[in-house]
Protein backbone atom coordinates (compact mmCIF):
# COMPACT_ATOMS: atom_id res chain seq x y z
CA MET A 1 -87.38 -13.60 -110.76
CA ASN A 2 -88.44 -15.73 -113.96
CA VAL A 3 -90.07 -19.01 -114.15
CA LYS A 4 -87.01 -20.54 -115.03
CA GLU A 5 -84.75 -18.69 -111.96
CA LEU A 6 -86.97 -20.24 -109.31
CA LEU A 7 -87.17 -23.66 -110.72
CA GLU A 8 -83.01 -23.32 -110.46
CA ARG A 9 -83.86 -21.98 -107.44
CA PHE A 10 -85.87 -24.49 -105.66
CA HIS A 11 -83.98 -27.21 -107.61
CA LYS A 12 -80.53 -26.39 -105.55
CA THR A 13 -82.07 -26.50 -102.27
CA ALA A 14 -83.30 -29.57 -102.96
CA THR A 15 -80.27 -31.24 -104.14
CA THR A 16 -78.06 -29.63 -101.97
CA PRO A 17 -80.01 -29.72 -98.25
CA ARG A 18 -75.89 -29.44 -96.24
CA GLU A 19 -75.42 -26.17 -97.98
CA GLN A 20 -78.43 -25.04 -97.09
CA MET A 21 -77.85 -26.22 -93.71
CA ASP A 22 -73.86 -24.70 -93.81
CA SER A 23 -76.17 -21.31 -94.29
CA TYR A 24 -78.28 -20.84 -91.73
CA LEU A 25 -75.23 -22.08 -88.90
CA ALA A 26 -73.80 -19.45 -90.48
CA GLU A 27 -76.56 -16.60 -90.13
CA GLY A 28 -75.85 -18.44 -85.99
CA ARG A 29 -79.31 -19.93 -86.14
CA LYS A 30 -80.11 -23.23 -84.61
CA ILE A 31 -80.94 -26.44 -86.67
CA VAL A 32 -83.27 -29.23 -85.29
CA LEU A 33 -84.29 -31.93 -87.86
CA THR A 34 -87.63 -32.93 -87.82
CA ALA A 35 -88.40 -36.72 -89.02
CA PRO A 36 -91.76 -37.82 -90.93
CA VAL A 37 -94.64 -36.82 -91.03
CA TYR A 38 -96.43 -34.38 -89.07
CA THR A 39 -93.74 -33.20 -86.37
CA PRO A 40 -94.42 -29.85 -84.77
CA GLU A 41 -92.36 -27.63 -87.01
CA GLU A 42 -93.95 -24.87 -85.96
CA ILE A 43 -92.31 -25.37 -82.24
CA ILE A 44 -89.48 -25.38 -83.42
CA HIS A 45 -90.21 -22.24 -85.53
CA SER A 46 -91.46 -20.20 -82.51
CA MET A 47 -88.41 -21.14 -80.39
CA GLY A 48 -86.71 -18.93 -83.30
CA MET A 49 -84.81 -21.73 -84.73
CA VAL A 50 -85.03 -23.52 -88.05
CA PRO A 51 -86.89 -26.82 -88.60
CA MET A 52 -84.92 -29.36 -91.58
CA GLY A 53 -86.67 -31.90 -92.64
CA VAL A 54 -85.13 -35.51 -92.40
CA TRP A 55 -86.63 -37.97 -95.14
CA GLY A 56 -83.48 -39.95 -95.62
CA GLY A 57 -81.51 -40.53 -98.85
CA ASP A 58 -81.27 -42.65 -101.89
CA ILE A 59 -78.03 -44.24 -100.56
CA GLN A 60 -76.67 -47.67 -99.67
CA LEU A 61 -77.29 -48.60 -96.50
CA ALA A 62 -74.15 -49.92 -94.56
CA GLU A 63 -74.08 -48.89 -90.63
CA SER A 64 -77.86 -48.88 -90.25
CA LYS A 65 -77.91 -52.81 -90.55
CA LYS A 66 -76.40 -52.94 -87.24
CA TYR A 67 -79.46 -50.86 -85.66
CA PHE A 68 -82.31 -52.32 -87.61
CA PRO A 69 -83.97 -56.15 -89.29
CA ALA A 70 -83.58 -55.61 -92.70
CA PHE A 71 -87.39 -55.87 -92.84
CA ILE A 72 -87.67 -52.28 -92.56
CA CYS A 73 -88.43 -48.72 -94.17
CA SER A 74 -85.35 -47.93 -95.89
CA ILE A 75 -86.30 -44.23 -95.12
CA VAL A 76 -85.97 -44.57 -91.19
CA GLN A 77 -82.94 -46.46 -91.92
CA SER A 78 -80.94 -44.47 -94.37
CA ILE A 79 -82.41 -41.42 -91.80
CA VAL A 80 -80.00 -43.19 -89.11
CA GLU A 81 -77.30 -44.16 -91.58
CA LEU A 82 -77.09 -40.91 -92.49
CA GLY A 83 -76.93 -39.45 -89.08
CA ILE A 84 -73.87 -41.94 -88.52
CA ALA A 85 -72.21 -40.58 -91.70
CA GLY A 86 -72.15 -37.02 -90.27
CA THR A 87 -74.50 -35.64 -92.23
CA TYR A 88 -76.50 -33.79 -89.71
CA LYS A 89 -73.50 -32.53 -88.45
CA GLY A 90 -74.37 -28.84 -86.69
CA ALA A 91 -77.84 -29.75 -85.90
CA SER A 92 -78.72 -28.72 -81.95
CA ALA A 93 -81.25 -31.98 -81.99
CA ILE A 94 -83.82 -34.28 -84.06
CA VAL A 95 -87.87 -34.83 -83.38
CA ILE A 96 -89.35 -38.03 -83.92
CA PRO A 97 -92.84 -38.45 -84.08
CA SER A 98 -94.28 -42.36 -83.44
CA LEU A 99 -96.66 -42.86 -86.19
CA CYS A 100 -95.59 -45.65 -87.37
CA ASP A 101 -93.82 -48.82 -86.06
CA SER A 102 -90.16 -48.05 -87.83
CA LEU A 103 -90.64 -44.63 -86.32
CA LYS A 104 -90.80 -45.76 -82.89
CA VAL A 105 -87.61 -47.71 -83.39
CA ALA A 106 -86.11 -45.40 -85.25
CA GLY A 107 -85.62 -42.84 -82.03
CA GLN A 108 -84.55 -45.58 -79.36
CA ASN A 109 -81.75 -46.26 -82.30
CA TRP A 110 -80.61 -42.78 -82.97
CA LYS A 111 -80.07 -42.70 -79.34
CA TYR A 112 -76.74 -45.06 -79.61
CA ALA A 113 -76.23 -44.78 -83.81
CA VAL A 114 -75.70 -40.68 -83.09
CA PRO A 115 -75.44 -39.91 -79.14
CA SER A 116 -74.06 -36.32 -80.19
CA ILE A 117 -77.40 -35.17 -81.79
CA PRO A 118 -79.75 -35.43 -79.05
CA PHE A 119 -83.53 -37.66 -79.93
CA ILE A 120 -86.49 -35.96 -78.84
CA PRO A 121 -89.67 -38.00 -79.06
CA MET A 122 -92.86 -36.83 -80.44
CA THR A 123 -95.59 -39.66 -78.75
CA TYR A 124 -98.92 -39.22 -80.83
CA PRO A 125 -102.31 -40.15 -80.06
CA GLN A 126 -104.38 -42.72 -82.37
CA ASN A 127 -107.42 -41.78 -81.45
CA ARG A 128 -107.26 -38.17 -81.61
CA LYS A 129 -110.57 -37.11 -82.48
CA PRO A 130 -111.90 -37.44 -78.94
CA GLY A 131 -111.58 -34.84 -76.31
CA PHE A 132 -108.73 -37.04 -74.58
CA GLY A 133 -106.95 -37.74 -77.77
CA HIS A 134 -106.49 -33.03 -77.69
CA THR A 135 -105.43 -34.09 -74.41
CA PHE A 136 -102.62 -36.28 -75.03
CA THR A 137 -101.40 -34.53 -77.99
CA LYS A 138 -100.94 -31.19 -76.32
CA GLU A 139 -99.34 -33.03 -73.79
CA GLY A 140 -96.79 -34.56 -76.41
CA TYR A 141 -95.78 -31.07 -77.58
CA LEU A 142 -95.17 -29.42 -73.94
CA ARG A 143 -92.86 -32.41 -73.77
CA VAL A 144 -91.42 -31.57 -76.83
CA ILE A 145 -90.88 -27.96 -75.81
CA LYS A 146 -89.43 -29.28 -72.44
CA ASP A 147 -86.72 -31.19 -74.34
CA LEU A 148 -86.37 -28.20 -76.89
CA GLU A 149 -84.98 -26.07 -73.78
CA GLU A 150 -82.75 -28.35 -72.13
CA ALA A 151 -81.02 -29.28 -75.70
CA THR A 152 -80.58 -26.11 -77.04
CA GLY A 153 -81.44 -23.43 -74.49
CA GLU A 154 -84.04 -21.42 -76.33
CA ARG A 155 -87.43 -21.16 -74.45
CA PHE A 156 -91.28 -21.65 -75.60
CA ASP A 157 -93.06 -18.64 -75.81
CA ASP A 158 -97.05 -18.70 -76.76
CA GLU A 159 -97.54 -15.74 -78.51
CA LYS A 160 -94.87 -16.69 -81.07
CA LEU A 161 -96.22 -20.10 -81.37
CA ALA A 162 -99.43 -17.86 -82.90
CA ALA A 163 -97.23 -15.85 -85.06
CA SER A 164 -95.31 -19.07 -86.39
CA ILE A 165 -98.91 -20.73 -87.14
CA GLU A 166 -99.37 -18.07 -88.86
CA VAL A 167 -96.09 -18.51 -90.97
CA TYR A 168 -97.49 -22.28 -91.50
CA ASN A 169 -101.30 -21.52 -92.52
CA ALA A 170 -99.68 -19.09 -94.96
CA HIS A 171 -97.28 -21.78 -96.79
CA ASN A 172 -100.38 -24.34 -97.08
CA ALA A 173 -102.33 -22.24 -98.24
CA ALA A 174 -99.41 -21.56 -100.72
CA MET A 175 -98.56 -25.04 -101.74
CA ARG A 176 -102.27 -25.68 -102.36
CA ALA A 177 -102.11 -22.90 -104.91
CA LEU A 178 -99.01 -24.32 -106.60
CA VAL A 179 -100.62 -27.88 -107.28
CA ILE A 180 -103.49 -26.12 -109.09
CA ALA A 181 -101.20 -23.57 -110.77
CA LEU A 182 -98.75 -26.71 -111.87
CA ALA A 183 -101.86 -28.94 -112.92
CA ALA A 184 -102.49 -26.52 -115.61
CA HIS A 185 -98.57 -25.98 -116.72
CA PRO A 186 -97.45 -29.33 -118.35
CA GLU A 187 -94.53 -27.48 -119.17
CA ILE A 188 -93.04 -27.90 -115.87
CA THR A 189 -92.02 -31.24 -115.39
CA ASN A 190 -92.25 -33.75 -112.39
CA ALA A 191 -88.34 -33.76 -111.49
CA GLN A 192 -89.38 -29.83 -111.01
CA ARG A 193 -92.59 -30.68 -109.06
CA SER A 194 -90.24 -32.60 -106.93
CA ASP A 195 -88.03 -30.00 -106.34
CA ILE A 196 -90.38 -27.17 -105.21
CA PHE A 197 -91.54 -29.76 -102.56
CA LYS A 198 -88.77 -31.38 -101.27
CA SER A 199 -87.26 -27.79 -101.21
CA ALA A 200 -89.94 -26.36 -98.42
CA GLN A 201 -88.07 -29.49 -96.54
CA PHE A 202 -85.04 -27.61 -96.05
CA MET A 203 -86.02 -23.97 -96.20
CA ARG A 204 -87.65 -21.61 -93.33
CA LYS A 205 -91.42 -21.13 -94.70
CA GLU A 206 -92.19 -17.53 -95.22
CA GLU A 207 -88.54 -18.08 -97.33
CA HIS A 208 -90.24 -20.77 -99.16
CA THR A 209 -93.73 -19.11 -99.07
CA ALA A 210 -92.36 -15.94 -100.62
CA LEU A 211 -91.06 -18.13 -103.90
CA VAL A 212 -93.84 -20.30 -104.41
CA ASN A 213 -95.72 -17.43 -104.73
CA GLU A 214 -93.45 -16.24 -106.75
CA LEU A 215 -93.49 -18.98 -109.21
CA ILE A 216 -96.98 -19.39 -108.91
CA GLU A 217 -97.90 -15.41 -110.20
CA ALA A 218 -94.77 -16.07 -113.15
CA LEU A 219 -96.75 -19.06 -114.06
CA ALA A 220 -99.97 -17.22 -114.46
CA ALA A 221 -98.10 -14.96 -116.97
CA GLN A 222 -96.61 -17.96 -118.92
CA GLN A 223 -98.43 -19.64 -121.66
CA PRO A 224 -99.11 -23.73 -121.15
CA GLY A 225 -97.23 -25.64 -122.63
CA GLU A 226 -98.92 -29.23 -124.72
CA ALA A 227 -100.98 -31.53 -122.83
CA LYS A 228 -99.69 -34.46 -121.09
CA THR A 229 -101.47 -37.59 -119.91
CA ARG A 230 -102.81 -36.20 -116.45
CA VAL A 231 -102.01 -38.90 -113.37
CA MET A 232 -102.34 -38.94 -109.97
CA THR A 233 -99.43 -40.04 -107.12
CA THR A 234 -100.40 -41.84 -104.16
CA GLY A 235 -97.46 -43.01 -101.42
CA ILE A 236 -95.05 -41.86 -98.81
CA LEU A 237 -92.36 -40.61 -101.08
CA ALA A 238 -92.46 -39.62 -104.78
CA ASP A 239 -88.56 -37.63 -105.25
CA ALA A 240 -86.89 -40.58 -106.96
CA PRO A 241 -84.39 -38.77 -109.96
CA GLU A 242 -84.53 -41.93 -111.88
CA LEU A 243 -88.42 -42.64 -111.31
CA LEU A 244 -88.98 -38.80 -112.26
CA ALA A 245 -87.34 -39.18 -115.44
CA ILE A 246 -88.94 -42.24 -116.51
CA LEU A 247 -92.28 -40.34 -115.84
CA ASP A 248 -91.37 -37.85 -118.14
CA GLU A 249 -90.22 -39.59 -120.65
CA ASN A 250 -93.69 -40.95 -120.91
CA LYS A 251 -95.34 -37.40 -120.95
CA ILE A 252 -96.87 -38.59 -117.91
CA GLN A 253 -98.10 -35.42 -115.87
CA ILE A 254 -98.97 -35.49 -112.12
CA VAL A 255 -101.55 -33.19 -111.30
CA CYS A 256 -102.42 -34.18 -107.98
CA ASP A 257 -101.21 -36.12 -104.97
CA ASP A 258 -101.58 -38.21 -102.50
CA ILE A 259 -98.24 -38.26 -100.92
CA ALA A 260 -97.12 -37.74 -97.38
CA ALA A 261 -93.29 -35.64 -98.64
CA GLU A 262 -95.61 -33.79 -100.50
CA SER A 263 -99.16 -32.55 -100.28
CA ARG A 264 -100.59 -34.63 -97.58
CA GLN A 265 -98.92 -32.10 -94.63
CA TYR A 266 -100.47 -28.94 -96.48
CA ARG A 267 -103.68 -30.07 -96.40
CA THR A 268 -104.71 -29.18 -92.69
CA ASP A 269 -104.32 -25.26 -90.94
CA ALA A 270 -104.34 -24.94 -87.35
CA PRO A 271 -107.75 -23.00 -86.36
CA ALA A 272 -108.16 -19.52 -85.78
CA GLU A 273 -109.19 -19.75 -82.91
CA GLY A 274 -108.35 -22.06 -79.36
CA ALA A 275 -107.58 -21.97 -75.56
CA SER A 276 -103.83 -21.02 -76.33
CA ALA A 277 -101.74 -21.54 -79.78
CA LEU A 278 -100.71 -24.71 -78.48
CA ASP A 279 -104.36 -25.72 -78.39
CA ARG A 280 -104.87 -24.46 -81.78
CA LEU A 281 -101.63 -26.54 -82.86
CA ALA A 282 -102.60 -29.84 -80.97
CA ALA A 283 -106.69 -28.78 -82.95
CA LYS A 284 -104.47 -28.82 -85.95
CA PHE A 285 -102.94 -32.58 -85.40
CA CYS A 286 -106.54 -33.83 -84.48
CA GLU A 287 -108.30 -32.90 -87.81
CA MET A 288 -106.11 -34.62 -89.75
CA ASP A 289 -107.55 -37.28 -91.94
CA ASN A 290 -106.71 -39.43 -95.02
CA CYS A 291 -103.27 -40.27 -94.33
CA SER A 292 -102.38 -44.57 -94.20
CA VAL A 293 -100.10 -43.40 -90.75
CA LEU A 294 -103.49 -41.85 -89.52
CA TYR A 295 -105.57 -44.37 -87.76
CA ASP A 296 -109.38 -44.36 -89.44
CA VAL A 297 -111.03 -47.43 -89.37
CA GLU A 298 -113.31 -46.21 -92.29
CA LYS A 299 -110.60 -45.47 -94.30
CA LYS A 300 -112.00 -41.96 -95.74
CA ARG A 301 -108.62 -42.39 -97.48
CA VAL A 302 -109.03 -43.99 -99.80
CA ALA A 303 -112.68 -42.50 -101.19
CA LYS A 304 -110.42 -39.48 -101.24
CA ILE A 305 -107.95 -40.17 -103.75
CA VAL A 306 -110.43 -41.35 -106.17
CA GLU A 307 -112.58 -38.45 -105.49
CA ASP A 308 -109.06 -36.06 -105.99
CA ALA A 309 -108.40 -37.89 -108.87
CA LYS A 310 -112.00 -37.09 -110.66
CA THR A 311 -111.29 -33.82 -109.57
CA ALA A 312 -108.19 -33.10 -111.10
CA ASP A 313 -109.39 -35.09 -114.04
CA ALA A 314 -106.78 -37.23 -113.59
CA LYS A 315 -106.45 -40.43 -116.07
CA GLY A 316 -105.14 -42.71 -113.86
CA VAL A 317 -104.02 -43.81 -110.26
CA VAL A 318 -99.92 -44.48 -110.25
CA VAL A 319 -99.56 -45.88 -106.40
CA LEU A 320 -95.96 -45.64 -105.40
CA LEU A 321 -95.56 -48.23 -102.42
CA THR A 322 -92.22 -48.09 -100.00
CA LYS A 323 -91.13 -51.46 -99.55
CA PHE A 324 -92.08 -52.45 -96.16
CA CYS A 325 -94.19 -49.58 -95.47
CA ASP A 326 -96.77 -51.38 -93.53
CA PRO A 327 -99.69 -48.81 -93.48
CA GLU A 328 -99.11 -47.87 -97.17
CA GLU A 329 -99.68 -51.94 -97.90
CA PHE A 330 -102.57 -52.49 -95.54
CA ASP A 331 -104.26 -49.10 -98.08
CA TYR A 332 -103.40 -50.34 -101.35
CA PRO A 333 -105.59 -53.45 -101.77
CA LEU A 334 -108.45 -50.93 -100.73
CA ILE A 335 -107.31 -48.07 -103.03
CA LYS A 336 -107.03 -50.27 -106.17
CA LYS A 337 -110.59 -51.43 -105.45
CA ALA A 338 -111.96 -47.99 -104.76
CA CYS A 339 -110.23 -47.10 -108.25
CA ASP A 340 -111.21 -50.08 -110.68
CA GLU A 341 -114.67 -49.42 -108.85
CA ALA A 342 -114.63 -46.05 -110.14
CA GLY A 343 -113.17 -46.96 -113.72
CA ILE A 344 -109.79 -44.96 -112.71
CA PRO A 345 -106.91 -47.50 -114.31
CA ASN A 346 -104.13 -47.64 -111.47
CA VAL A 347 -100.88 -48.98 -111.31
CA LEU A 348 -98.35 -50.09 -108.63
CA ILE A 349 -94.98 -49.28 -108.79
CA GLU A 350 -92.83 -50.58 -105.90
CA ILE A 351 -90.14 -47.93 -104.54
CA ASP A 352 -87.14 -48.35 -102.31
CA ARG A 353 -84.21 -45.63 -101.22
CA GLN A 354 -81.95 -48.39 -101.69
CA MET A 355 -82.90 -48.76 -105.55
CA ILE A 356 -80.26 -48.43 -108.40
CA ASN A 357 -82.47 -49.93 -111.25
CA TYR A 358 -85.72 -48.38 -112.45
CA GLU A 359 -85.90 -50.84 -115.23
CA GLN A 360 -89.03 -52.78 -113.95
CA ALA A 361 -90.88 -49.88 -112.99
CA ARG A 362 -90.21 -48.29 -116.17
CA THR A 363 -91.76 -51.49 -117.64
CA ALA A 364 -94.91 -51.17 -115.69
CA ILE A 365 -95.45 -47.31 -116.77
CA GLU A 366 -94.93 -48.12 -120.35
CA THR A 367 -97.77 -50.44 -120.18
CA PHE A 368 -99.78 -48.73 -117.84
CA MET A 369 -99.34 -45.67 -120.94
CA GLU A 370 -100.82 -48.18 -123.17
CA LEU A 371 -103.40 -49.04 -121.32
CA LEU A 372 -104.50 -45.36 -120.61
């Protein structure tokens, strides 16, 4: 396929996840939903099932308000809202990690709001670097495996997990290479870039890797388009069509990102060696860093944002702050200070899954462009 055909394929998958889910169900595959972030998809994949990401949607909330206070992340609320509405009908289970306060209550609410889809908790340690952090993580994975076997009837095998780890490591490498390839091609819009990342949530990783590698090869043979203003984005989500359209209208190109739903999850591979495949997977989580929901008293993420922006020759940093996301809100003052000290212009855009008007964001971005 050529670049246009590949981009259309990514767009279709990103915008019609239910169709993708139905196609897998029609093939006789079982679907396990994976909530953000760092849910152990490799385990699900190794058991012959399809992990499908659930990051909520840009919808108005109604039924989920019965379970959550108003001042809680709309990503979590919209996941439950979609579950109540039957959007995920046919899924065999949902795995929800506990890396923030909102996610901790999401699973408990899910049990009562969507009883037809079993809830499986994944409890991660905050102190993940010491040896006991690895042990705790592995025990959490064993709990997930036990619950998955009970919910789906499938069985876990460590050798199959080793094979799945290779599939996911290959996908990580492809996504890292993709960021570099897209940065060299301003003609690829931010909306199209988002489609590629978002489609990865809904496809089997080996299928997505093949398409991404094909796109990288096709881009290498294509003449780059006219240069745009290069920026870096940071935050939890960056998939709102209206927001991406504003960036594209202002000839802004996202050349790198620190977005939880995008590049953050592809930075760390499972190590090549370990006592078992499950130990390797636990080591992968323990080695992760530079994320607002991962405990780090030194806040190394802040320095990495500055470093990545400079490496990618980004002229500014766009902070996309998900409303009521405490971990991101705590990091923002440090990010702003570090960018200011490094001489990197930055702008804060507050976003929410319920937003229907992005005119305030438009004004902020246009003002930011004048500054740049």
